[in-house]
PDB file of N, CA and C in Angstrom:
ATOM      1  N   TYR A   1       0.845  -1.178   0.000  1.00  0.00           N
ATOM      2  CA  TYR A   1       0.000   0.000   0.000  1.00  0.00           C
ATOM      3  C   TYR A   1       0.881   1.229   0.000  1.00  0.00           C
ATOM      4  N   LYS A   2       0.679   2.099  -0.971  1.00  0.00           N
ATOM      5  CA  LYS A   2       1.559   3.254  -1.128  1.00  0.00           C
ATOM      6  C   LYS A   2       0.936   4.546  -0.636  1.00  0.00           C
ATOM      7  N   GLY A   3      -0.229   4.493  -0.067  1.00  0.00           N
ATOM      8  CA  GLY A   3      -0.864   5.704   0.427  1.00  0.00           C
ATOM      9  C   GLY A   3      -2.219   5.895  -0.213  1.00  0.00           C
ATOM     10  N   GLY A   4      -2.918   6.878   0.244  1.00  0.00           N
ATOM     11  CA  GLY A   4      -4.247   7.143  -0.274  1.00  0.00           C
ATOM     12  C   GLY A   4      -5.274   6.966   0.819  1.00  0.00           C
ATOM     13  N   LYS A   5      -6.498   6.767   0.407  1.00  0.00           N
ATOM     14  CA  LYS A   5      -7.601   6.677   1.353  1.00  0.00           C
ATOM     15  C   LYS A   5      -8.257   5.305   1.246  1.00  0.00           C
ATOM     16  N   LEU A   6      -8.515   4.697   2.371  1.00  0.00           N
ATOM     17  CA  LEU A   6      -9.170   3.401   2.424  1.00  0.00           C
ATOM     18  C   LEU A   6     -10.417   3.551   3.289  1.00  0.00           C
ATOM     19  N   THR A   7     -11.577   3.237   2.720  1.00  0.00           N
ATOM     20  CA  THR A   7     -12.831   3.345   3.441  1.00  0.00           C
ATOM     21  C   THR A   7     -13.452   1.960   3.566  1.00  0.00           C
ATOM     22  N   ILE A   8     -13.814   1.608   4.780  1.00  0.00           N
ATOM     23  CA  ILE A   8     -14.437   0.312   5.038  1.00  0.00           C
ATOM     24  C   ILE A   8     -15.823   0.556   5.617  1.00  0.00           C
ATOM     25  N   ASP A   9     -16.833  -0.029   4.991  1.00  0.00           N
ATOM     26  CA  ASP A   9     -18.209   0.065   5.474  1.00  0.00           C
ATOM     27  C   ASP A   9     -18.492  -1.180   6.308  1.00  0.00           C
ATOM     28  N   LEU A  10     -18.408  -1.042   7.631  1.00  0.00           N
ATOM     29  CA  LEU A  10     -18.597  -2.195   8.509  1.00  0.00           C
ATOM     30  C   LEU A  10     -20.012  -2.751   8.432  1.00  0.00           C
ATOM     31  N   ASN A  11     -20.994  -1.904   8.177  1.00  0.00           N
ATOM     32  CA  ASN A  11     -22.367  -2.404   8.029  1.00  0.00           C
ATOM     33  C   ASN A  11     -22.463  -3.380   6.865  1.00  0.00           C
ATOM     34  N   GLU A  12     -21.828  -3.037   5.761  1.00  0.00           N
ATOM     35  CA  GLU A  12     -21.842  -3.917   4.595  1.00  0.00           C
ATOM     36  C   GLU A  12     -21.033  -5.179   4.861  1.00  0.00           C
ATOM     37  N   LEU A  13     -19.911  -5.013   5.537  1.00  0.00           N
ATOM     38  CA  LEU A  13     -19.038  -6.144   5.821  1.00  0.00           C
ATOM     39  C   LEU A  13     -19.730  -7.190   6.689  1.00  0.00           C
ATOM     40  N   PHE A  14     -20.504  -6.760   7.678  1.00  0.00           N
ATOM     41  CA  PHE A  14     -21.143  -7.680   8.605  1.00  0.00           C
ATOM     42  C   PHE A  14     -22.608  -7.954   8.298  1.00  0.00           C
ATOM     43  N   SER A  15     -23.135  -7.413   7.221  1.00  0.00           N
ATOM     44  CA  SER A  15     -24.558  -7.608   6.913  1.00  0.00           C
ATOM     45  C   SER A  15     -24.892  -9.077   6.660  1.00  0.00           C
ATOM     46  N   ASP A  16     -23.969  -9.846   6.134  1.00  0.00           N
ATOM     47  CA  ASP A  16     -24.223 -11.261   5.897  1.00  0.00           C
ATOM     48  C   ASP A  16     -24.471 -12.024   7.202  1.00  0.00           C
ATOM     49  N   TYR A  17     -23.864 -11.578   8.293  1.00  0.00           N
ATOM     50  CA  TYR A  17     -24.039 -12.261   9.567  1.00  0.00           C
ATOM     51  C   TYR A  17     -25.478 -12.184  10.075  1.00  0.00           C
ATOM     52  N   ASP A  18     -26.255 -11.228   9.586  1.00  0.00           N
ATOM     53  CA  ASP A  18     -27.662 -11.135   9.974  1.00  0.00           C
ATOM     54  C   ASP A  18     -28.450 -12.361   9.525  1.00  0.00           C
ATOM     55  N   LEU A  19     -27.936 -13.081   8.527  1.00  0.00           N
ATOM     56  CA  LEU A  19     -28.650 -14.240   7.992  1.00  0.00           C
ATOM     57  C   LEU A  19     -28.428 -15.519   8.805  1.00  0.00           C
ATOM     58  N   LYS A  20     -27.569 -15.479   9.803  1.00  0.00           N
ATOM     59  CA  LYS A  20     -27.190 -16.706  10.506  1.00  0.00           C
ATOM     60  C   LYS A  20     -28.362 -17.408  11.176  1.00  0.00           C
ATOM     61  N   ASN A  21     -29.396 -16.676  11.549  1.00  0.00           N
ATOM     62  CA  ASN A  21     -30.556 -17.282  12.203  1.00  0.00           C
ATOM     63  C   ASN A  21     -31.707 -17.572  11.249  1.00  0.00           C
ATOM     64  N   ASP A  22     -31.513 -17.302   9.952  1.00  0.00           N
ATOM     65  CA  ASP A  22     -32.544 -17.620   8.970  1.00  0.00           C
ATOM     66  C   ASP A  22     -32.605 -19.130   8.767  1.00  0.00           C
ATOM     67  N   LEU A  23     -33.789 -19.635   8.505  1.00  0.00           N
ATOM     68  CA  LEU A  23     -33.973 -21.058   8.243  1.00  0.00           C
ATOM     69  C   LEU A  23     -33.728 -21.346   6.772  1.00  0.00           C
ATOM     70  N   ILE A  24     -33.113 -22.488   6.498  1.00  0.00           N
ATOM     71  CA  ILE A  24     -32.904 -22.910   5.113  1.00  0.00           C
ATOM     72  C   ILE A  24     -33.405 -24.331   4.946  1.00  0.00           C
ATOM     73  N   ARG A  25     -33.699 -24.683   3.711  1.00  0.00           N
ATOM     74  CA  ARG A  25     -34.076 -26.038   3.329  1.00  0.00           C
ATOM     75  C   ARG A  25     -33.846 -26.178   1.837  1.00  0.00           C
ATOM     76  N   GLU A  26     -33.883 -27.417   1.354  1.00  0.00           N
ATOM     77  CA  GLU A  26     -33.760 -27.635  -0.085  1.00  0.00           C
ATOM     78  C   GLU A  26     -34.955 -26.999  -0.775  1.00  0.00           C
ATOM     79  N   SER A  27     -34.752 -26.523  -1.991  1.00  0.00           N
ATOM     80  CA  SER A  27     -35.833 -25.860  -2.718  1.00  0.00           C
ATOM     81  C   SER A  27     -36.830 -26.851  -3.308  1.00  0.00           C
ATOM     82  N   GLY A  28     -36.394 -28.062  -3.572  1.00  0.00           N
ATOM     83  CA  GLY A  28     -37.283 -29.049  -4.180  1.00  0.00           C
ATOM     84  C   GLY A  28     -37.414 -28.880  -5.685  1.00  0.00           C
ATOM     85  N   ASN A  29     -36.485 -28.168  -6.301  1.00  0.00           N
ATOM     86  CA  ASN A  29     -36.499 -27.965  -7.741  1.00  0.00           C
ATOM     87  C   ASN A  29     -36.315 -29.313  -8.444  1.00  0.00           C
ATOM     88  N   PRO A  30     -37.285 -29.723  -9.297  1.00  0.00           N
ATOM     89  CA  PRO A  30     -37.188 -31.037  -9.942  1.00  0.00           C
ATOM     90  C   PRO A  30     -36.069 -31.144 -10.983  1.00  0.00           C
ATOM     91  N   ASP A  31     -35.505 -30.032 -11.411  1.00  0.00           N
ATOM     92  CA  ASP A  31     -34.424 -30.042 -12.397  1.00  0.00           C
ATOM     93  C   ASP A  31     -33.045 -30.202 -11.756  1.00  0.00           C
ATOM     94  N   ILE A  32     -33.023 -30.273 -10.428  1.00  0.00           N
ATOM     95  CA  ILE A  32     -31.758 -30.374  -9.704  1.00  0.00           C
ATOM     96  C   ILE A  32     -31.709 -31.706  -8.972  1.00  0.00           C
ATOM     97  N   SER A  33     -30.569 -32.385  -9.098  1.00  0.00           N
ATOM     98  CA  SER A  33     -30.349 -33.624  -8.347  1.00  0.00           C
ATOM     99  C   SER A  33     -28.950 -33.570  -7.736  1.00  0.00           C
ATOM    100  N   PHE A  34     -28.663 -34.544  -6.897  1.00  0.00           N
ATOM    101  CA  PHE A  34     -27.404 -34.546  -6.166  1.00  0.00           C
ATOM    102  C   PHE A  34     -26.684 -35.867  -6.340  1.00  0.00           C
ATOM    103  N   SER A  35     -25.363 -35.807  -6.333  1.00  0.00           N
ATOM    104  CA  SER A  35     -24.525 -36.993  -6.320  1.00  0.00           C
ATOM    105  C   SER A  35     -24.048 -37.162  -4.874  1.00  0.00           C
ATOM    106  N   TYR A  36     -24.481 -38.246  -4.223  1.00  0.00           N
ATOM    107  CA  TYR A  36     -24.203 -38.473  -2.805  1.00  0.00           C
ATOM    108  C   TYR A  36     -23.088 -39.485  -2.590  1.00  0.00           C
ATOM    109  N   ASP A  37     -22.441 -39.379  -1.438  1.00  0.00           N
ATOM    110  CA  ASP A  37     -21.598 -40.431  -0.898  1.00  0.00           C
ATOM    111  C   ASP A  37     -22.216 -40.768   0.454  1.00  0.00           C
ATOM    112  N   VAL A  38     -23.048 -41.788   0.473  1.00  0.00           N
ATOM    113  CA  VAL A  38     -23.809 -42.135   1.668  1.00  0.00           C
ATOM    114  C   VAL A  38     -22.893 -42.551   2.812  1.00  0.00           C
ATOM    115  N   ASP A  39     -21.823 -43.276   2.510  1.00  0.00           N
ATOM    116  CA  ASP A  39     -20.905 -43.727   3.559  1.00  0.00           C
ATOM    117  C   ASP A  39     -20.244 -42.546   4.289  1.00  0.00           C
ATOM    118  N   LYS A  40     -19.885 -41.521   3.539  1.00  0.00           N
ATOM    119  CA  LYS A  40     -19.235 -40.346   4.136  1.00  0.00           C
ATOM    120  C   LYS A  40     -20.235 -39.275   4.548  1.00  0.00           C
ATOM    121  N   GLU A  41     -21.517 -39.490   4.240  1.00  0.00           N
ATOM    122  CA  GLU A  41     -22.586 -38.539   4.530  1.00  0.00           C
ATOM    123  C   GLU A  41     -22.252 -37.151   3.989  1.00  0.00           C
ATOM    124  N   THR A  42     -22.051 -37.107   2.686  1.00  0.00           N
ATOM    125  CA  THR A  42     -21.717 -35.857   2.012  1.00  0.00           C
ATOM    126  C   THR A  42     -22.310 -35.846   0.609  1.00  0.00           C
ATOM    127  N   VAL A  43     -22.439 -34.650   0.061  1.00  0.00           N
ATOM    128  CA  VAL A  43     -22.882 -34.474  -1.321  1.00  0.00           C
ATOM    129  C   VAL A  43     -21.635 -34.157  -2.144  1.00  0.00           C
ATOM    130  N   ASN A  44     -21.379 -34.945  -3.170  1.00  0.00           N
ATOM    131  CA  ASN A  44     -20.192 -34.734  -4.001  1.00  0.00           C
ATOM    132  C   ASN A  44     -20.402 -33.663  -5.060  1.00  0.00           C
ATOM    133  N   ALA A  45     -21.631 -33.608  -5.617  1.00  0.00           N
ATOM    134  CA  ALA A  45     -21.892 -32.662  -6.710  1.00  0.00           C
ATOM    135  C   ALA A  45     -23.379 -32.354  -6.799  1.00  0.00           C
ATOM    136  N   ILE A  46     -23.666 -31.210  -7.378  1.00  0.00           N
ATOM    137  CA  ILE A  46     -25.037 -30.799  -7.686  1.00  0.00           C
ATOM    138  C   ILE A  46     -25.178 -30.896  -9.200  1.00  0.00           C
ATOM    139  N   LEU A  47     -26.222 -31.573  -9.658  1.00  0.00           N
ATOM    140  CA  LEU A  47     -26.456 -31.781 -11.085  1.00  0.00           C
ATOM    141  C   LEU A  47     -27.663 -30.966 -11.524  1.00  0.00           C
ATOM    142  N   PHE A  48     -27.477 -30.173 -12.558  1.00  0.00           N
ATOM    143  CA  PHE A  48     -28.544 -29.348 -13.116  1.00  0.00           C
ATOM    144  C   PHE A  48     -28.942 -29.917 -14.464  1.00  0.00           C
ATOM    145  N   GLY A  49     -30.212 -30.284 -14.627  1.00  0.00           N
ATOM    146  CA  GLY A  49     -30.691 -30.768 -15.919  1.00  0.00           C
ATOM    147  C   GLY A  49     -30.281 -32.183 -16.252  1.00  0.00           C
ATOM    148  N   GLY A  50     -30.078 -33.030 -15.276  1.00  0.00           N
ATOM    149  CA  GLY A  50     -29.738 -34.423 -15.546  1.00  0.00           C
ATOM    150  C   GLY A  50     -28.252 -34.638 -15.780  1.00  0.00           C
ATOM    151  N   LYS A  51     -27.917 -35.843 -16.230  1.00  0.00           N
ATOM    152  CA  LYS A  51     -26.507 -36.214 -16.410  1.00  0.00           C
ATOM    153  C   LYS A  51     -25.804 -35.408 -17.492  1.00  0.00           C
ATOM    154  N   LYS A  52     -26.551 -34.940 -18.484  1.00  0.00           N
ATOM    155  CA  LYS A  52     -25.924 -34.178 -19.572  1.00  0.00           C
ATOM    156  C   LYS A  52     -25.937 -32.675 -19.310  1.00  0.00           C
ATOM    157  N   GLY A  53     -26.489 -32.264 -18.174  1.00  0.00           N
ATOM    158  CA  GLY A  53     -26.546 -30.849 -17.830  1.00  0.00           C
ATOM    159  C   GLY A  53     -25.267 -30.384 -17.165  1.00  0.00           C
ATOM    160  N   ASN A  54     -25.376 -29.301 -16.440  1.00  0.00           N
ATOM    161  CA  ASN A  54     -24.229 -28.722 -15.726  1.00  0.00           C
ATOM    162  C   ASN A  54     -24.032 -29.422 -14.395  1.00  0.00           C
ATOM    163  N   LYS A  55     -22.794 -29.365 -13.909  1.00  0.00           N
ATOM    164  CA  LYS A  55     -22.432 -30.032 -12.663  1.00  0.00           C
ATOM    165  C   LYS A  55     -21.555 -29.093 -11.840  1.00  0.00           C
ATOM    166  N   ILE A  56     -21.858 -28.992 -10.558  1.00  0.00           N
ATOM    167  CA  ILE A  56     -21.013 -28.238  -9.635  1.00  0.00           C
ATOM    168  C   ILE A  56     -20.456 -29.228  -8.628  1.00  0.00           C
ATOM    169  N   LYS A  57     -19.141 -29.414  -8.646  1.00  0.00           N
ATOM    170  CA  LYS A  57     -18.494 -30.286  -7.668  1.00  0.00           C
ATOM    171  C   LYS A  57     -18.307 -29.517  -6.367  1.00  0.00           C
ATOM    172  N   LEU A  58     -18.473 -30.220  -5.258  1.00  0.00           N
ATOM    173  CA  LEU A  58     -18.370 -29.597  -3.945  1.00  0.00           C
ATOM    174  C   LEU A  58     -17.166 -30.138  -3.189  1.00  0.00           C
ATOM    175  N   ASP A  59     -16.543 -29.285  -2.401  1.00  0.00           N
ATOM    176  CA  ASP A  59     -15.472 -29.756  -1.529  1.00  0.00           C
ATOM    177  C   ASP A  59     -16.109 -30.483  -0.345  1.00  0.00           C
ATOM    178  N   PRO A  60     -15.335 -31.227   0.425  1.00  0.00           N
ATOM    179  CA  PRO A  60     -15.916 -32.029   1.508  1.00  0.00           C
ATOM    180  C   PRO A  60     -16.733 -31.236   2.533  1.00  0.00           C
ATOM    181  N   LYS A  61     -16.294 -30.028   2.876  1.00  0.00           N
ATOM    182  CA  LYS A  61     -17.030 -29.250   3.885  1.00  0.00           C
ATOM    183  C   LYS A  61     -18.366 -28.745   3.365  1.00  0.00           C
ATOM    184  N   THR A  62     -18.383 -28.178   2.154  1.00  0.00           N
ATOM    185  CA  THR A  62     -19.672 -27.707   1.631  1.00  0.00           C
ATOM    186  C   THR A  62     -20.565 -28.893   1.272  1.00  0.00           C
ATOM    187  N   GLY A  63     -19.965 -30.002   0.889  1.00  0.00           N
ATOM    188  CA  GLY A  63     -20.740 -31.211   0.632  1.00  0.00           C
ATOM    189  C   GLY A  63     -21.398 -31.730   1.900  1.00  0.00           C
ATOM    190  N   ARG A  64     -20.677 -31.680   2.997  1.00  0.00           N
ATOM    191  CA  ARG A  64     -21.249 -32.074   4.293  1.00  0.00           C
ATOM    192  C   ARG A  64     -22.340 -31.105   4.708  1.00  0.00           C
ATOM    193  N   PHE A  65     -22.108 -29.807   4.481  1.00  0.00           N
ATOM    194  CA  PHE A  65     -23.109 -28.787   4.790  1.00  0.00           C
ATOM    195  C   PHE A  65     -24.408 -29.094   4.044  1.00  0.00           C
ATOM    196  N   LEU A  66     -24.293 -29.324   2.735  1.00  0.00           N
ATOM    197  CA  LEU A  66     -25.479 -29.582   1.919  1.00  0.00           C
ATOM    198  C   LEU A  66     -26.170 -30.881   2.337  1.00  0.00           C
ATOM    199  N   TRP A  67     -25.406 -31.875   2.777  1.00  0.00           N
ATOM    200  CA  TRP A  67     -25.973 -33.135   3.260  1.00  0.00           C
ATOM    201  C   TRP A  67     -26.902 -32.874   4.463  1.00  0.00           C
ATOM    202  N   LEU A  68     -26.527 -31.905   5.305  1.00  0.00           N
ATOM    203  CA  LEU A  68     -27.281 -31.615   6.523  1.00  0.00           C
ATOM    204  C   LEU A  68     -28.479 -30.695   6.316  1.00  0.00           C
ATOM    205  N   VAL A  69     -28.636 -30.110   5.139  1.00  0.00           N
ATOM    206  CA  VAL A  69     -29.765 -29.224   4.867  1.00  0.00           C
ATOM    207  C   VAL A  69     -31.051 -30.056   4.815  1.00  0.00           C
ATOM    208  N   PRO A  70     -32.081 -29.624   5.528  1.00  0.00           N
ATOM    209  CA  PRO A  70     -33.338 -30.381   5.547  1.00  0.00           C
ATOM    210  C   PRO A  70     -34.033 -30.415   4.186  1.00  0.00           C
ATOM    211  N   PRO A  71     -34.919 -31.401   3.995  1.00  0.00           N
ATOM    212  CA  PRO A  71     -35.644 -31.531   2.725  1.00  0.00           C
ATOM    213  C   PRO A  71     -36.668 -30.415   2.530  1.00  0.00           C
ATOM    214  N   PRO A  72     -37.214 -30.287   1.314  1.00  0.00           N
ATOM    215  CA  PRO A  72     -38.119 -29.176   1.001  1.00  0.00           C
ATOM    216  C   PRO A  72     -39.424 -29.175   1.800  1.00  0.00           C
ATOM    217  N   ASP A  73     -39.859 -30.309   2.296  1.00  0.00           N
ATOM    218  CA  ASP A  73     -41.131 -30.356   3.020  1.00  0.00           C
ATOM    219  C   ASP A  73     -40.965 -30.143   4.533  1.00  0.00           C
ATOM    220  N   SER A  74     -39.773 -29.723   4.962  1.00  0.00           N
ATOM    221  CA  SER A  74     -39.514 -29.494   6.384  1.00  0.00           C
ATOM    222  C   SER A  74     -39.663 -28.013   6.722  1.00  0.00           C
ATOM    223  N   LYS A  75     -39.588 -27.708   8.029  1.00  0.00           N
ATOM    224  CA  LYS A  75     -39.641 -26.304   8.444  1.00  0.00           C
ATOM    225  C   LYS A  75     -38.297 -25.611   8.256  1.00  0.00           C
ATOM    226  N   GLY A  76     -37.236 -26.388   8.026  1.00  0.00           N
ATOM    227  CA  GLY A  76     -35.909 -25.833   7.814  1.00  0.00           C
ATOM    228  C   GLY A  76     -35.073 -25.868   9.072  1.00  0.00           C
ATOM    229  N   GLU A  77     -33.830 -25.431   8.939  1.00  0.00           N
ATOM    230  CA  GLU A  77     -32.887 -25.367  10.055  1.00  0.00           C
ATOM    231  C   GLU A  77     -32.072 -24.093   9.889  1.00  0.00           C
ATOM    232  N   THR A  78     -31.548 -23.555  10.996  1.00  0.00           N
ATOM    233  CA  THR A  78     -30.783 -22.319  10.893  1.00  0.00           C
ATOM    234  C   THR A  78     -29.419 -22.585  10.254  1.00  0.00           C
ATOM    235  N   ILE A  79     -28.943 -21.591   9.560  1.00  0.00           N
ATOM    236  CA  ILE A  79     -27.631 -21.674   8.922  1.00  0.00           C
ATOM    237  C   ILE A  79     -26.552 -21.877   9.976  1.00  0.00           C
ATOM    238  N   GLU A  80     -26.698 -21.211  11.092  1.00  0.00           N
ATOM    239  CA  GLU A  80     -25.706 -21.302  12.152  1.00  0.00           C
ATOM    240  C   GLU A  80     -25.573 -22.736  12.676  1.00  0.00           C
ATOM    241  N   ILE A  81     -26.675 -23.421  12.890  1.00  0.00           N
ATOM    242  CA  ILE A  81     -26.632 -24.793  13.402  1.00  0.00           C
ATOM    243  C   ILE A  81     -26.023 -25.739  12.374  1.00  0.00           C
ATOM    244  N   ILE A  82     -26.400 -25.579  11.115  1.00  0.00           N
ATOM    245  CA  ILE A  82     -25.840 -26.448  10.077  1.00  0.00           C
ATOM    246  C   ILE A  82     -24.342 -26.210   9.932  1.00  0.00           C
ATOM    247  N   CYS A  83     -23.916 -24.956   9.994  1.00  0.00           N
ATOM    248  CA  CYS A  83     -22.478 -24.648   9.929  1.00  0.00           C
ATOM    249  C   CYS A  83     -21.737 -25.314  11.076  1.00  0.00           C
ATOM    250  N   ARG A  84     -22.290 -25.224  12.265  1.00  0.00           N
ATOM    251  CA  ARG A  84     -21.649 -25.838  13.435  1.00  0.00           C
ATOM    252  C   ARG A  84     -21.532 -27.351  13.258  1.00  0.00           C
ATOM    253  N   ASP A  85     -22.624 -27.990  12.840  1.00  0.00           N
ATOM    254  CA  ASP A  85     -22.628 -29.442  12.683  1.00  0.00           C
ATOM    255  C   ASP A  85     -21.728 -29.920  11.539  1.00  0.00           C
ATOM    256  N   ALA A  86     -21.587 -29.088  10.499  1.00  0.00           N
ATOM    257  CA  ALA A  86     -20.774 -29.465   9.338  1.00  0.00           C
ATOM    258  C   ALA A  86     -19.312 -29.065   9.492  1.00  0.00           C
ATOM    259  N   GLY A  87     -18.995 -28.240  10.492  1.00  0.00           N
ATOM    260  CA  GLY A  87     -17.624 -27.778  10.666  1.00  0.00           C
ATOM    261  C   GLY A  87     -17.224 -26.723   9.646  1.00  0.00           C
ATOM    262  N   VAL A  88     -18.200 -25.944   9.208  1.00  0.00           N
ATOM    263  CA  VAL A  88     -17.966 -24.895   8.215  1.00  0.00           C
ATOM    264  C   VAL A  88     -17.987 -23.539   8.929  1.00  0.00           C
ATOM    265  N   PRO A  89     -17.018 -22.645   8.662  1.00  0.00           N
ATOM    266  CA  PRO A  89     -17.079 -21.311   9.242  1.00  0.00           C
ATOM    267  C   PRO A  89     -18.390 -20.614   8.852  1.00  0.00           C
ATOM    268  N   LEU A  90     -18.956 -19.869   9.782  1.00  0.00           N
ATOM    269  CA  LEU A  90     -20.268 -19.263   9.587  1.00  0.00           C
ATOM    270  C   LEU A  90     -20.345 -18.402   8.333  1.00  0.00           C
ATOM    271  N   ILE A  91     -19.374 -17.550   8.108  1.00  0.00           N
ATOM    272  CA  ILE A  91     -19.440 -16.664   6.941  1.00  0.00           C
ATOM    273  C   ILE A  91     -19.371 -17.467   5.642  1.00  0.00           C
ATOM    274  N   ASP A  92     -18.602 -18.555   5.625  1.00  0.00           N
ATOM    275  CA  ASP A  92     -18.542 -19.405   4.435  1.00  0.00           C
ATOM    276  C   ASP A  92     -19.878 -20.093   4.195  1.00  0.00           C
ATOM    277  N   GLY A  93     -20.520 -20.553   5.261  1.00  0.00           N
ATOM    278  CA  GLY A  93     -21.830 -21.184   5.136  1.00  0.00           C
ATOM    279  C   GLY A  93     -22.888 -20.219   4.641  1.00  0.00           C
ATOM    280  N   ILE A  94     -22.853 -18.993   5.134  1.00  0.00           N
ATOM    281  CA  ILE A  94     -23.816 -17.981   4.703  1.00  0.00           C
ATOM    282  C   ILE A  94     -23.621 -17.660   3.226  1.00  0.00           C
ATOM    283  N   ARG A  95     -22.401 -17.467   2.815  1.00  0.00           N
ATOM    284  CA  ARG A  95     -22.133 -17.155   1.404  1.00  0.00           C
ATOM    285  C   ARG A  95     -22.500 -18.330   0.504  1.00  0.00           C
ATOM    286  N   PHE A  96     -22.242 -19.566   0.946  1.00  0.00           N
ATOM    287  CA  PHE A  96     -22.634 -20.745   0.188  1.00  0.00           C
ATOM    288  C   PHE A  96     -24.158 -20.795   0.041  1.00  0.00           C
ATOM    289  N   CYS A  97     -24.868 -20.521   1.117  1.00  0.00           N
ATOM    290  CA  CYS A  97     -26.342 -20.515   1.065  1.00  0.00           C
ATOM    291  C   CYS A  97     -26.865 -19.465   0.091  1.00  0.00           C
ATOM    292  N   LEU A  98     -26.289 -18.293   0.118  1.00  0.00           N
ATOM    293  CA  LEU A  98     -26.731 -17.239  -0.801  1.00  0.00           C
ATOM    294  C   LEU A  98     -26.474 -17.631  -2.249  1.00  0.00           C
ATOM    295  N   ARG A  99     -25.320 -18.252  -2.511  1.00  0.00           N
ATOM    296  CA  ARG A  99     -24.996 -18.697  -3.866  1.00  0.00           C
ATOM    297  C   ARG A  99     -25.944 -19.811  -4.309  1.00  0.00           C
ATOM    298  N   MET A 100     -26.255 -20.731  -3.408  1.00  0.00           N
ATOM    299  CA  MET A 100     -27.166 -21.832  -3.725  1.00  0.00           C
ATOM    300  C   MET A 100     -28.612 -21.347  -3.867  1.00  0.00           C
ATOM    301  N   GLN A 101     -28.949 -20.281  -3.153  1.00  0.00           N
ATOM    302  CA  GLN A 101     -30.283 -19.695  -3.312  1.00  0.00           C
ATOM    303  C   GLN A 101     -30.429 -19.081  -4.704  1.00  0.00           C
ATOM    304  N   GLU A 102     -29.391 -18.417  -5.186  1.00  0.00           N
ATOM    305  CA  GLU A 102     -29.420 -17.847  -6.532  1.00  0.00           C
ATOM    306  C   GLU A 102     -29.598 -18.928  -7.596  1.00  0.00           C
ATOM    307  N   LEU A 103     -29.066 -20.118  -7.335  1.00  0.00           N
ATOM    308  CA  LEU A 103     -29.169 -21.239  -8.284  1.00  0.00           C
ATOM    309  C   LEU A 103     -30.428 -22.078  -8.066  1.00  0.00           C
ATOM    310  N   ASP A 104     -31.262 -21.690  -7.097  1.00  0.00           N
ATOM    311  CA  ASP A 104     -32.513 -22.367  -6.749  1.00  0.00           C
ATOM    312  C   ASP A 104     -32.276 -23.780  -6.210  1.00  0.00           C
ATOM    313  N   VAL A 105     -31.141 -23.971  -5.556  1.00  0.00           N
ATOM    314  CA  VAL A 105     -30.845 -25.242  -4.894  1.00  0.00           C
ATOM    315  C   VAL A 105     -31.408 -25.219  -3.478  1.00  0.00           C
ATOM    316  N   LEU A 106     -31.244 -24.080  -2.796  1.00  0.00           N
ATOM    317  CA  LEU A 106     -31.722 -23.897  -1.436  1.00  0.00           C
ATOM    318  C   LEU A 106     -32.749 -22.791  -1.383  1.00  0.00           C
ATOM    319  N   GLU A 107     -33.572 -22.871  -0.363  1.00  0.00           N
ATOM    320  CA  GLU A 107     -34.589 -21.853  -0.113  1.00  0.00           C
ATOM    321  C   GLU A 107     -34.292 -21.278   1.263  1.00  0.00           C
ATOM    322  N   VAL A 108     -34.138 -19.954   1.347  1.00  0.00           N
ATOM    323  CA  VAL A 108     -33.919 -19.277   2.625  1.00  0.00           C
ATOM    324  C   VAL A 108     -35.271 -18.741   3.089  1.00  0.00           C
ATOM    325  N   ILE A 109     -35.663 -19.159   4.287  1.00  0.00           N
ATOM    326  CA  ILE A 109     -36.949 -18.752   4.847  1.00  0.00           C
ATOM    327  C   ILE A 109     -36.673 -17.630   5.846  1.00  0.00           C
ATOM    328  N   ARG A 110     -37.167 -16.464   5.548  1.00  0.00           N
ATOM    329  CA  ARG A 110     -36.883 -15.302   6.427  1.00  0.00           C
ATOM    330  C   ARG A 110     -38.079 -14.936   7.241  1.00  0.00           C
TER     331      ARG A 110
END
């Protein structure tokens, strides 16, 4: 850093943490399926549009997180509890949920 002005908006930086108590569940989108590893209790990939569609591979932590997300017909679970149970840092879990909500994989109940 060679000088100048740096402005940090703490409200924007911490606004994602407000979502930690929101409930999430699977969206139930029929065009989305999952590749599971039942023995390891994790989701390996998200499949969009069947086997010939798009695929998003997941790392072990986000795969475990997604494994713990309740089904679409449930009342949901808080992001904070799922992060704790999956061993995922809270901010990473929140950002993953927001990204999955944009893709209609998860539903955030506010």
